[in-house]
Amino acid sequence: MITVSDKAKEKVARLIQDAHLDDTYRLRASVAGGGCSGLSYKLDFDNEVRPMDQEFEDKGVRVVVDMKSFLYLAGTELDFSDGLNGKGFQFHNPNASRECGCGESFSV
């Protein structure tokens, strides 16, 4: 499962509202090769659920993840920070053995 913090929930709701997206859109989390640690996180909005996607809902936020990415993201919490030491979405991933300093890439 992918969970969502209260701050991430508020930010996702604001982004959906600002982009004028309807309720068919979900937050798509995925992993791609790249970044300074080997794998990087990716977030986007998507209104299509593919046959092998995993779909979760936490605090009213619907999250879809392709099966390959889910192998890396299982148990991850999506958070949002707007503090002085960084701004943006953060992944608290229990599967990551190493993360880069900016938190945008990881390795297992």
PDB file of N, CA and C in Angstrom:
ATOM      1  N   MET A   1       0.838  -1.190   0.000  1.00  0.00           N
ATOM      2  CA  MET A   1       0.000   0.000   0.000  1.00  0.00           C
ATOM      3  C   MET A   1       0.875   1.241   0.000  1.00  0.00           C
ATOM      4  N   ILE A   2       0.383   2.291  -0.601  1.00  0.00           N
ATOM      5  CA  ILE A   2       1.003   3.611  -0.576  1.00  0.00           C
ATOM      6  C   ILE A   2       0.119   4.481   0.308  1.00  0.00           C
ATOM      7  N   THR A   3       0.703   5.116   1.320  1.00  0.00           N
ATOM      8  CA  THR A   3      -0.074   5.985   2.196  1.00  0.00           C
ATOM      9  C   THR A   3       0.271   7.446   1.914  1.00  0.00           C
ATOM     10  N   VAL A   4      -0.584   8.333   2.392  1.00  0.00           N
ATOM     11  CA  VAL A   4      -0.471   9.763   2.118  1.00  0.00           C
ATOM     12  C   VAL A   4      -0.583  10.515   3.435  1.00  0.00           C
ATOM     13  N   SER A   5       0.363  11.411   3.700  1.00  0.00           N
ATOM     14  CA  SER A   5       0.287  12.226   4.915  1.00  0.00           C
ATOM     15  C   SER A   5      -0.792  13.293   4.747  1.00  0.00           C
ATOM     16  N   ASP A   6      -1.178  13.917   5.847  1.00  0.00           N
ATOM     17  CA  ASP A   6      -2.176  14.986   5.790  1.00  0.00           C
ATOM     18  C   ASP A   6      -1.703  16.148   4.923  1.00  0.00           C
ATOM     19  N   LYS A   7      -0.412  16.518   5.045  1.00  0.00           N
ATOM     20  CA  LYS A   7       0.101  17.635   4.233  1.00  0.00           C
ATOM     21  C   LYS A   7       0.092  17.295   2.748  1.00  0.00           C
ATOM     22  N   ALA A   8       0.436  16.047   2.409  1.00  0.00           N
ATOM     23  CA  ALA A   8       0.419  15.631   1.006  1.00  0.00           C
ATOM     24  C   ALA A   8      -1.011  15.627   0.478  1.00  0.00           C
ATOM     25  N   LYS A   9      -1.940  15.193   1.301  1.00  0.00           N
ATOM     26  CA  LYS A   9      -3.354  15.192   0.908  1.00  0.00           C
ATOM     27  C   LYS A   9      -3.810  16.604   0.564  1.00  0.00           C
ATOM     28  N   GLU A  10      -3.479  17.567   1.416  1.00  0.00           N
ATOM     29  CA  GLU A  10      -3.876  18.958   1.172  1.00  0.00           C
ATOM     30  C   GLU A  10      -3.259  19.489  -0.117  1.00  0.00           C
ATOM     31  N   LYS A  11      -1.980  19.178  -0.361  1.00  0.00           N
ATOM     32  CA  LYS A  11      -1.303  19.678  -1.560  1.00  0.00           C
ATOM     33  C   LYS A  11      -1.873  19.036  -2.821  1.00  0.00           C
ATOM     34  N   VAL A  12      -2.136  17.737  -2.783  1.00  0.00           N
ATOM     35  CA  VAL A  12      -2.726  17.063  -3.940  1.00  0.00           C
ATOM     36  C   VAL A  12      -4.090  17.671  -4.252  1.00  0.00           C
ATOM     37  N   ALA A  13      -4.905  17.903  -3.241  1.00  0.00           N
ATOM     38  CA  ALA A  13      -6.233  18.497  -3.452  1.00  0.00           C
ATOM     39  C   ALA A  13      -6.120  19.878  -4.086  1.00  0.00           C
ATOM     40  N   ARG A  14      -5.147  20.678  -3.617  1.00  0.00           N
ATOM     41  CA  ARG A  14      -4.928  22.011  -4.193  1.00  0.00           C
ATOM     42  C   ARG A  14      -4.490  21.928  -5.648  1.00  0.00           C
ATOM     43  N   LEU A  15      -3.587  20.996  -5.960  1.00  0.00           N
ATOM     44  CA  LEU A  15      -3.101  20.846  -7.334  1.00  0.00           C
ATOM     45  C   LEU A  15      -4.215  20.405  -8.275  1.00  0.00           C
ATOM     46  N   ILE A  16      -5.053  19.486  -7.815  1.00  0.00           N
ATOM     47  CA  ILE A  16      -6.184  19.031  -8.626  1.00  0.00           C
ATOM     48  C   ILE A  16      -7.144  20.184  -8.889  1.00  0.00           C
ATOM     49  N   GLN A  17      -7.418  20.954  -7.853  1.00  0.00           N
ATOM     50  CA  GLN A  17      -8.321  22.100  -8.000  1.00  0.00           C
ATOM     51  C   GLN A  17      -7.718  23.151  -8.937  1.00  0.00           C
ATOM     52  N   ASP A  18      -6.442  23.474  -8.759  1.00  0.00           N
ATOM     53  CA  ASP A  18      -5.791  24.486  -9.596  1.00  0.00           C
ATOM     54  C   ASP A  18      -5.734  24.070 -11.069  1.00  0.00           C
ATOM     55  N   ALA A  19      -5.610  22.763 -11.319  1.00  0.00           N
ATOM     56  CA  ALA A  19      -5.537  22.272 -12.694  1.00  0.00           C
ATOM     57  C   ALA A  19      -6.921  21.993 -13.290  1.00  0.00           C
ATOM     58  N   HIS A  20      -7.968  22.201 -12.489  1.00  0.00           N
ATOM     59  CA  HIS A  20      -9.353  21.982 -12.929  1.00  0.00           C
ATOM     60  C   HIS A  20      -9.574  20.553 -13.416  1.00  0.00           C
ATOM     61  N   LEU A  21      -9.012  19.584 -12.679  1.00  0.00           N
ATOM     62  CA  LEU A  21      -9.184  18.176 -13.031  1.00  0.00           C
ATOM     63  C   LEU A  21     -10.451  17.640 -12.374  1.00  0.00           C
ATOM     64  N   ASP A  22     -11.125  16.731 -13.060  1.00  0.00           N
ATOM     65  CA  ASP A  22     -12.334  16.149 -12.477  1.00  0.00           C
ATOM     66  C   ASP A  22     -11.986  14.937 -11.621  1.00  0.00           C
ATOM     67  N   ASP A  23     -13.010  14.297 -11.081  1.00  0.00           N
ATOM     68  CA  ASP A  23     -12.782  13.208 -10.135  1.00  0.00           C
ATOM     69  C   ASP A  23     -12.361  11.891 -10.784  1.00  0.00           C
ATOM     70  N   THR A  24     -12.141  11.881 -12.096  1.00  0.00           N
ATOM     71  CA  THR A  24     -11.612  10.676 -12.744  1.00  0.00           C
ATOM     72  C   THR A  24     -10.092  10.605 -12.627  1.00  0.00           C
ATOM     73  N   TYR A  25      -9.460  11.686 -12.192  1.00  0.00           N
ATOM     74  CA  TYR A  25      -7.997  11.713 -12.108  1.00  0.00           C
ATOM     75  C   TYR A  25      -7.502  11.154 -10.780  1.00  0.00           C
ATOM     76  N   ARG A  26      -6.396  10.440 -10.874  1.00  0.00           N
ATOM     77  CA  ARG A  26      -5.724   9.861  -9.725  1.00  0.00           C
ATOM     78  C   ARG A  26      -4.280  10.329  -9.728  1.00  0.00           C
ATOM     79  N   LEU A  27      -3.640  10.205  -8.602  1.00  0.00           N
ATOM     80  CA  LEU A  27      -2.219  10.500  -8.506  1.00  0.00           C
ATOM     81  C   LEU A  27      -1.465   9.243  -8.931  1.00  0.00           C
ATOM     82  N   ARG A  28      -0.620   9.360  -9.952  1.00  0.00           N
ATOM     83  CA  ARG A  28       0.169   8.217 -10.411  1.00  0.00           C
ATOM     84  C   ARG A  28       1.588   8.361  -9.875  1.00  0.00           C
ATOM     85  N   ALA A  29       2.011   7.380  -9.078  1.00  0.00           N
ATOM     86  CA  ALA A  29       3.373   7.329  -8.556  1.00  0.00           C
ATOM     87  C   ALA A  29       4.118   6.251  -9.324  1.00  0.00           C
ATOM     88  N   SER A  30       5.353   6.553  -9.698  1.00  0.00           N
ATOM     89  CA  SER A  30       6.137   5.565 -10.423  1.00  0.00           C
ATOM     90  C   SER A  30       7.616   5.746 -10.132  1.00  0.00           C
ATOM     91  N   VAL A  31       8.382   4.786 -10.602  1.00  0.00           N
ATOM     92  CA  VAL A  31       9.832   4.781 -10.445  1.00  0.00           C
ATOM     93  C   VAL A  31      10.437   4.643 -11.832  1.00  0.00           C
ATOM     94  N   ALA A  32      11.477   5.413 -12.089  1.00  0.00           N
ATOM     95  CA  ALA A  32      12.182   5.338 -13.367  1.00  0.00           C
ATOM     96  C   ALA A  32      13.678   5.271 -13.106  1.00  0.00           C
ATOM     97  N   GLY A  33      14.393   4.687 -14.024  1.00  0.00           N
ATOM     98  CA  GLY A  33      15.842   4.663 -13.916  1.00  0.00           C
ATOM     99  C   GLY A  33      16.391   6.067 -14.054  1.00  0.00           C
ATOM    100  N   GLY A  34      17.412   6.385 -13.264  1.00  0.00           N
ATOM    101  CA  GLY A  34      18.026   7.707 -13.341  1.00  0.00           C
ATOM    102  C   GLY A  34      18.212   8.314 -11.976  1.00  0.00           C
ATOM    103  N   GLY A  35      18.669   9.522 -11.955  1.00  0.00           N
ATOM    104  CA  GLY A  35      18.948  10.195 -10.694  1.00  0.00           C
ATOM    105  C   GLY A  35      20.318   9.802 -10.186  1.00  0.00           C
ATOM    106  N   CYS A  36      20.787  10.499  -9.198  1.00  0.00           N
ATOM    107  CA  CYS A  36      22.142  10.262  -8.710  1.00  0.00           C
ATOM    108  C   CYS A  36      22.278   8.975  -7.907  1.00  0.00           C
ATOM    109  N   SER A  37      21.160   8.367  -7.489  1.00  0.00           N
ATOM    110  CA  SER A  37      21.240   7.109  -6.736  1.00  0.00           C
ATOM    111  C   SER A  37      20.775   5.899  -7.538  1.00  0.00           C
ATOM    112  N   GLY A  38      20.384   6.098  -8.793  1.00  0.00           N
ATOM    113  CA  GLY A  38      20.023   4.970  -9.650  1.00  0.00           C
ATOM    114  C   GLY A  38      18.567   4.895 -10.046  1.00  0.00           C
ATOM    115  N   LEU A  39      17.653   5.219  -9.141  1.00  0.00           N
ATOM    116  CA  LEU A  39      16.220   5.200  -9.424  1.00  0.00           C
ATOM    117  C   LEU A  39      15.623   6.516  -8.963  1.00  0.00           C
ATOM    118  N   SER A  40      14.677   7.034  -9.714  1.00  0.00           N
ATOM    119  CA  SER A  40      14.068   8.296  -9.313  1.00  0.00           C
ATOM    120  C   SER A  40      12.547   8.157  -9.226  1.00  0.00           C
ATOM    121  N   TYR A  41      11.972   8.961  -8.351  1.00  0.00           N
ATOM    122  CA  TYR A  41      10.532   8.978  -8.140  1.00  0.00           C
ATOM    123  C   TYR A  41       9.878   9.888  -9.167  1.00  0.00           C
ATOM    124  N   LYS A  42       8.643   9.558  -9.518  1.00  0.00           N
ATOM    125  CA  LYS A  42       7.896  10.387 -10.451  1.00  0.00           C
ATOM    126  C   LYS A  42       6.444  10.441  -9.996  1.00  0.00           C
ATOM    127  N   LEU A  43       5.855  11.622 -10.045  1.00  0.00           N
ATOM    128  CA  LEU A  43       4.439  11.828  -9.723  1.00  0.00           C
ATOM    129  C   LEU A  43       3.765  12.548 -10.871  1.00  0.00           C
ATOM    130  N   ASP A  44       2.533  12.172 -11.139  1.00  0.00           N
ATOM    131  CA  ASP A  44       1.756  12.829 -12.184  1.00  0.00           C
ATOM    132  C   ASP A  44       0.284  12.550 -11.909  1.00  0.00           C
ATOM    133  N   PHE A  45      -0.599  13.225 -12.612  1.00  0.00           N
ATOM    134  CA  PHE A  45      -2.013  12.925 -12.540  1.00  0.00           C
ATOM    135  C   PHE A  45      -2.393  12.134 -13.779  1.00  0.00           C
ATOM    136  N   ASP A  46      -3.276  11.164 -13.603  1.00  0.00           N
ATOM    137  CA  ASP A  46      -3.660  10.283 -14.703  1.00  0.00           C
ATOM    138  C   ASP A  46      -5.127   9.907 -14.523  1.00  0.00           C
ATOM    139  N   ASN A  47      -5.869   9.880 -15.613  1.00  0.00           N
ATOM    140  CA  ASN A  47      -7.271   9.471 -15.520  1.00  0.00           C
ATOM    141  C   ASN A  47      -7.489   8.091 -16.130  1.00  0.00           C
ATOM    142  N   GLU A  48      -6.402   7.349 -16.311  1.00  0.00           N
ATOM    143  CA  GLU A  48      -6.485   6.009 -16.867  1.00  0.00           C
ATOM    144  C   GLU A  48      -5.847   5.005 -15.904  1.00  0.00           C
ATOM    145  N   VAL A  49      -6.549   3.927 -15.651  1.00  0.00           N
ATOM    146  CA  VAL A  49      -6.006   2.836 -14.849  1.00  0.00           C
ATOM    147  C   VAL A  49      -5.770   1.672 -15.797  1.00  0.00           C
ATOM    148  N   ARG A  50      -4.533   1.229 -15.856  1.00  0.00           N
ATOM    149  CA  ARG A  50      -4.153   0.142 -16.757  1.00  0.00           C
ATOM    150  C   ARG A  50      -4.406  -1.206 -16.081  1.00  0.00           C
ATOM    151  N   PRO A  51      -4.520  -2.279 -16.861  1.00  0.00           N
ATOM    152  CA  PRO A  51      -4.876  -3.592 -16.297  1.00  0.00           C
ATOM    153  C   PRO A  51      -3.971  -4.084 -15.161  1.00  0.00           C
ATOM    154  N   MET A  52      -2.688  -3.821 -15.192  1.00  0.00           N
ATOM    155  CA  MET A  52      -1.779  -4.337 -14.165  1.00  0.00           C
ATOM    156  C   MET A  52      -1.485  -3.307 -13.065  1.00  0.00           C
ATOM    157  N   ASP A  53      -2.157  -2.168 -13.081  1.00  0.00           N
ATOM    158  CA  ASP A  53      -1.946  -1.145 -12.055  1.00  0.00           C
ATOM    159  C   ASP A  53      -2.465  -1.604 -10.697  1.00  0.00           C
ATOM    160  N   GLN A  54      -1.799  -1.156  -9.672  1.00  0.00           N
ATOM    161  CA  GLN A  54      -2.271  -1.310  -8.306  1.00  0.00           C
ATOM    162  C   GLN A  54      -2.918   0.021  -7.926  1.00  0.00           C
ATOM    163  N   GLU A  55      -4.078  -0.020  -7.312  1.00  0.00           N
ATOM    164  CA  GLU A  55      -4.774   1.218  -6.955  1.00  0.00           C
ATOM    165  C   GLU A  55      -5.051   1.221  -5.453  1.00  0.00           C
ATOM    166  N   PHE A  56      -4.763   2.360  -4.821  1.00  0.00           N
ATOM    167  CA  PHE A  56      -4.942   2.516  -3.385  1.00  0.00           C
ATOM    168  C   PHE A  56      -5.671   3.828  -3.129  1.00  0.00           C
ATOM    169  N   GLU A  57      -6.319   3.900  -1.980  1.00  0.00           N
ATOM    170  CA  GLU A  57      -6.915   5.158  -1.546  1.00  0.00           C
ATOM    171  C   GLU A  57      -6.569   5.361  -0.083  1.00  0.00           C
ATOM    172  N   ASP A  58      -6.025   6.519   0.230  1.00  0.00           N
ATOM    173  CA  ASP A  58      -5.705   6.866   1.607  1.00  0.00           C
ATOM    174  C   ASP A  58      -6.083   8.321   1.832  1.00  0.00           C
ATOM    175  N   LYS A  59      -6.860   8.568   2.844  1.00  0.00           N
ATOM    176  CA  LYS A  59      -7.326   9.922   3.187  1.00  0.00           C
ATOM    177  C   LYS A  59      -8.026  10.596   2.007  1.00  0.00           C
ATOM    178  N   GLY A  60      -8.698   9.810   1.184  1.00  0.00           N
ATOM    179  CA  GLY A  60      -9.425  10.353   0.047  1.00  0.00           C
ATOM    180  C   GLY A  60      -8.579  10.580  -1.193  1.00  0.00           C
ATOM    181  N   VAL A  61      -7.283  10.316  -1.136  1.00  0.00           N
ATOM    182  CA  VAL A  61      -6.402  10.463  -2.294  1.00  0.00           C
ATOM    183  C   VAL A  61      -6.268   9.105  -2.960  1.00  0.00           C
ATOM    184  N   ARG A  62      -6.655   9.049  -4.230  1.00  0.00           N
ATOM    185  CA  ARG A  62      -6.515   7.806  -4.986  1.00  0.00           C
ATOM    186  C   ARG A  62      -5.149   7.805  -5.667  1.00  0.00           C
ATOM    187  N   VAL A  63      -4.409   6.724  -5.437  1.00  0.00           N
ATOM    188  CA  VAL A  63      -3.044   6.585  -5.966  1.00  0.00           C
ATOM    189  C   VAL A  63      -2.995   5.328  -6.818  1.00  0.00           C
ATOM    190  N   VAL A  64      -2.437   5.441  -8.022  1.00  0.00           N
ATOM    191  CA  VAL A  64      -2.211   4.273  -8.872  1.00  0.00           C
ATOM    192  C   VAL A  64      -0.713   4.117  -9.099  1.00  0.00           C
ATOM    193  N   VAL A  65      -0.294   2.856  -9.171  1.00  0.00           N
ATOM    194  CA  VAL A  65       1.121   2.525  -9.347  1.00  0.00           C
ATOM    195  C   VAL A  65       1.199   1.334 -10.287  1.00  0.00           C
ATOM    196  N   ASP A  66       2.074   1.413 -11.300  1.00  0.00           N
ATOM    197  CA  ASP A  66       2.262   0.247 -12.157  1.00  0.00           C
ATOM    198  C   ASP A  66       2.959  -0.847 -11.352  1.00  0.00           C
ATOM    199  N   MET A  67       2.799  -2.084 -11.777  1.00  0.00           N
ATOM    200  CA  MET A  67       3.292  -3.228 -11.009  1.00  0.00           C
ATOM    201  C   MET A  67       4.804  -3.177 -10.792  1.00  0.00           C
ATOM    202  N   LYS A  68       5.569  -2.790 -11.802  1.00  0.00           N
ATOM    203  CA  LYS A  68       7.029  -2.724 -11.663  1.00  0.00           C
ATOM    204  C   LYS A  68       7.424  -1.703 -10.592  1.00  0.00           C
ATOM    205  N   SER A  69       6.807  -0.539 -10.633  1.00  0.00           N
ATOM    206  CA  SER A  69       7.109   0.499  -9.643  1.00  0.00           C
ATOM    207  C   SER A  69       6.653   0.094  -8.254  1.00  0.00           C
ATOM    208  N   PHE A  70       5.537  -0.636  -8.172  1.00  0.00           N
ATOM    209  CA  PHE A  70       5.023  -1.036  -6.868  1.00  0.00           C
ATOM    210  C   PHE A  70       6.021  -1.918  -6.120  1.00  0.00           C
ATOM    211  N   LEU A  71       6.805  -2.706  -6.844  1.00  0.00           N
ATOM    212  CA  LEU A  71       7.821  -3.541  -6.202  1.00  0.00           C
ATOM    213  C   LEU A  71       8.804  -2.687  -5.403  1.00  0.00           C
ATOM    214  N   TYR A  72       9.061  -1.465  -5.859  1.00  0.00           N
ATOM    215  CA  TYR A  72       9.969  -0.543  -5.173  1.00  0.00           C
ATOM    216  C   TYR A  72       9.258   0.355  -4.166  1.00  0.00           C
ATOM    217  N   LEU A  73       7.957   0.578  -4.360  1.00  0.00           N
ATOM    218  CA  LEU A  73       7.231   1.569  -3.563  1.00  0.00           C
ATOM    219  C   LEU A  73       6.320   0.988  -2.486  1.00  0.00           C
ATOM    220  N   ALA A  74       6.204  -0.315  -2.383  1.00  0.00           N
ATOM    221  CA  ALA A  74       5.316  -0.921  -1.392  1.00  0.00           C
ATOM    222  C   ALA A  74       5.673  -0.421   0.003  1.00  0.00           C
ATOM    223  N   GLY A  75       4.678   0.068   0.719  1.00  0.00           N
ATOM    224  CA  GLY A  75       4.883   0.560   2.077  1.00  0.00           C
ATOM    225  C   GLY A  75       5.338   2.000   2.173  1.00  0.00           C
ATOM    226  N   THR A  76       5.446   2.683   1.060  1.00  0.00           N
ATOM    227  CA  THR A  76       5.925   4.070   1.033  1.00  0.00           C
ATOM    228  C   THR A  76       4.845   5.035   1.506  1.00  0.00           C
ATOM    229  N   GLU A  77       5.279   6.069   2.227  1.00  0.00           N
ATOM    230  CA  GLU A  77       4.384   7.173   2.594  1.00  0.00           C
ATOM    231  C   GLU A  77       4.777   8.385   1.768  1.00  0.00           C
ATOM    232  N   LEU A  78       3.789   8.999   1.136  1.00  0.00           N
ATOM    233  CA  LEU A  78       3.996  10.237   0.402  1.00  0.00           C
ATOM    234  C   LEU A  78       3.719  11.394   1.353  1.00  0.00           C
ATOM    235  N   ASP A  79       4.683  12.301   1.452  1.00  0.00           N
ATOM    236  CA  ASP A  79       4.569  13.442   2.347  1.00  0.00           C
ATOM    237  C   ASP A  79       4.825  14.708   1.536  1.00  0.00           C
ATOM    238  N   PHE A  80       4.530  15.854   2.127  1.00  0.00           N
ATOM    239  CA  PHE A  80       4.816  17.133   1.481  1.00  0.00           C
ATOM    240  C   PHE A  80       5.424  18.067   2.510  1.00  0.00           C
ATOM    241  N   SER A  81       6.483  18.739   2.102  1.00  0.00           N
ATOM    242  CA  SER A  81       7.150  19.690   2.993  1.00  0.00           C
ATOM    243  C   SER A  81       7.227  21.039   2.301  1.00  0.00           C
ATOM    244  N   ASP A  82       6.952  22.078   3.061  1.00  0.00           N
ATOM    245  CA  ASP A  82       7.105  23.428   2.519  1.00  0.00           C
ATOM    246  C   ASP A  82       8.005  24.259   3.423  1.00  0.00           C
ATOM    247  N   GLY A  83       8.905  23.572   4.122  1.00  0.00           N
ATOM    248  CA  GLY A  83       9.805  24.238   5.056  1.00  0.00           C
ATOM    249  C   GLY A  83      11.026  24.837   4.380  1.00  0.00           C
ATOM    250  N   LEU A  84      11.882  25.413   5.181  1.00  0.00           N
ATOM    251  CA  LEU A  84      13.086  26.064   4.678  1.00  0.00           C
ATOM    252  C   LEU A  84      14.104  25.082   4.091  1.00  0.00           C
ATOM    253  N   ASN A  85      14.106  23.855   4.589  1.00  0.00           N
ATOM    254  CA  ASN A  85      15.098  22.883   4.145  1.00  0.00           C
ATOM    255  C   ASN A  85      14.656  22.082   2.930  1.00  0.00           C
ATOM    256  N   GLY A  86      13.641  22.470   2.303  1.00  0.00           N
ATOM    257  CA  GLY A  86      13.179  21.764   1.118  1.00  0.00           C
ATOM    258  C   GLY A  86      11.697  21.938   0.940  1.00  0.00           C
ATOM    259  N   LYS A  87      11.286  21.964  -0.314  1.00  0.00           N
ATOM    260  CA  LYS A  87       9.881  22.142  -0.605  1.00  0.00           C
ATOM    261  C   LYS A  87       9.498  21.120  -1.656  1.00  0.00           C
ATOM    262  N   GLY A  88       8.408  20.439  -1.419  1.00  0.00           N
ATOM    263  CA  GLY A  88       7.914  19.494  -2.400  1.00  0.00           C
ATOM    264  C   GLY A  88       7.510  18.181  -1.780  1.00  0.00           C
ATOM    265  N   PHE A  89       7.132  17.277  -2.654  1.00  0.00           N
ATOM    266  CA  PHE A  89       6.729  15.950  -2.206  1.00  0.00           C
ATOM    267  C   PHE A  89       7.955  15.145  -1.811  1.00  0.00           C
ATOM    268  N   GLN A  90       7.794  14.358  -0.770  1.00  0.00           N
ATOM    269  CA  GLN A  90       8.861  13.501  -0.272  1.00  0.00           C
ATOM    270  C   GLN A  90       8.321  12.085  -0.144  1.00  0.00           C
ATOM    271  N   PHE A  91       9.160  11.123  -0.478  1.00  0.00           N
ATOM    272  CA  PHE A  91       8.808   9.714  -0.378  1.00  0.00           C
ATOM    273  C   PHE A  91       9.542   9.125   0.817  1.00  0.00           C
ATOM    274  N   HIS A  92       8.799   8.598   1.776  1.00  0.00           N
ATOM    275  CA  HIS A  92       9.398   7.877   2.903  1.00  0.00           C
ATOM    276  C   HIS A  92       9.273   6.396   2.552  1.00  0.00           C
ATOM    277  N   ASN A  93      10.345   5.883   1.931  1.00  0.00           N
ATOM    278  CA  ASN A  93      10.332   4.565   1.328  1.00  0.00           C
ATOM    279  C   ASN A  93      11.125   3.572   2.174  1.00  0.00           C
ATOM    280  N   PRO A  94      10.457   2.598   2.797  1.00  0.00           N
ATOM    281  CA  PRO A  94      11.173   1.620   3.631  1.00  0.00           C
ATOM    282  C   PRO A  94      12.041   0.664   2.820  1.00  0.00           C
ATOM    283  N   ASN A  95      11.864   0.628   1.510  1.00  0.00           N
ATOM    284  CA  ASN A  95      12.632  -0.273   0.647  1.00  0.00           C
ATOM    285  C   ASN A  95      13.950   0.328   0.181  1.00  0.00           C
ATOM    286  N   ALA A  96      14.131   1.625   0.355  1.00  0.00           N
ATOM    287  CA  ALA A  96      15.342   2.299  -0.123  1.00  0.00           C
ATOM    288  C   ALA A  96      16.507   2.018   0.820  1.00  0.00           C
ATOM    289  N   SER A  97      17.599   1.541   0.264  1.00  0.00           N
ATOM    290  CA  SER A  97      18.790   1.312   1.088  1.00  0.00           C
ATOM    291  C   SER A  97      19.660   2.560   1.127  1.00  0.00           C
ATOM    292  N   ARG A  98      19.486   3.437   0.125  1.00  0.00           N
ATOM    293  CA  ARG A  98      20.251   4.675   0.058  1.00  0.00           C
ATOM    294  C   ARG A  98      19.437   5.711  -0.712  1.00  0.00           C
ATOM    295  N   GLU A  99      19.494   6.949  -0.254  1.00  0.00           N
ATOM    296  CA  GLU A  99      18.808   8.038  -0.953  1.00  0.00           C
ATOM    297  C   GLU A  99      19.787   9.159  -1.198  1.00  0.00           C
ATOM    298  N   CYS A 100      19.557   9.918  -2.252  1.00  0.00           N
ATOM    299  CA  CYS A 100      20.398  11.071  -2.515  1.00  0.00           C
ATOM    300  C   CYS A 100      20.033  12.195  -1.540  1.00  0.00           C
ATOM    301  N   GLY A 101      20.830  13.210  -1.469  1.00  0.00           N
ATOM    302  CA  GLY A 101      20.604  14.308  -0.552  1.00  0.00           C
ATOM    303  C   GLY A 101      19.318  15.064  -0.791  1.00  0.00           C
ATOM    304  N   CYS A 102      18.893  15.161  -2.028  1.00  0.00           N
ATOM    305  CA  CYS A 102      17.666  15.903  -2.328  1.00  0.00           C
ATOM    306  C   CYS A 102      16.408  15.051  -2.132  1.00  0.00           C
ATOM    307  N   GLY A 103      16.555  13.736  -2.001  1.00  0.00           N
ATOM    308  CA  GLY A 103      15.406  12.860  -1.776  1.00  0.00           C
ATOM    309  C   GLY A 103      14.633  12.504  -3.015  1.00  0.00           C
ATOM    310  N   GLU A 104      15.149  12.855  -4.192  1.00  0.00           N
ATOM    311  CA  GLU A 104      14.435  12.569  -5.429  1.00  0.00           C
ATOM    312  C   GLU A 104      14.854  11.263  -6.079  1.00  0.00           C
ATOM    313  N   SER A 105      15.923  10.648  -5.584  1.00  0.00           N
ATOM    314  CA  SER A 105      16.326   9.360  -6.136  1.00  0.00           C
ATOM    315  C   SER A 105      16.797   8.454  -5.013  1.00  0.00           C
ATOM    316  N   PHE A 106      16.837   7.150  -5.333  1.00  0.00           N
ATOM    317  CA  PHE A 106      17.165   6.162  -4.310  1.00  0.00           C
ATOM    318  C   PHE A 106      17.736   4.918  -4.967  1.00  0.00           C
ATOM    319  N   SER A 107      18.232   4.016  -4.148  1.00  0.00           N
ATOM    320  CA  SER A 107      18.624   2.690  -4.621  1.00  0.00           C
ATOM    321  C   SER A 107      18.128   1.663  -3.618  1.00  0.00           C
ATOM    322  N   VAL A 108      18.043   0.425  -4.071  1.00  0.00           N
ATOM    323  CA  VAL A 108      17.579  -0.667  -3.192  1.00  0.00           C
ATOM    324  C   VAL A 108      18.676  -1.702  -3.047  1.00  0.00           C
TER     325      VAL A 108
END
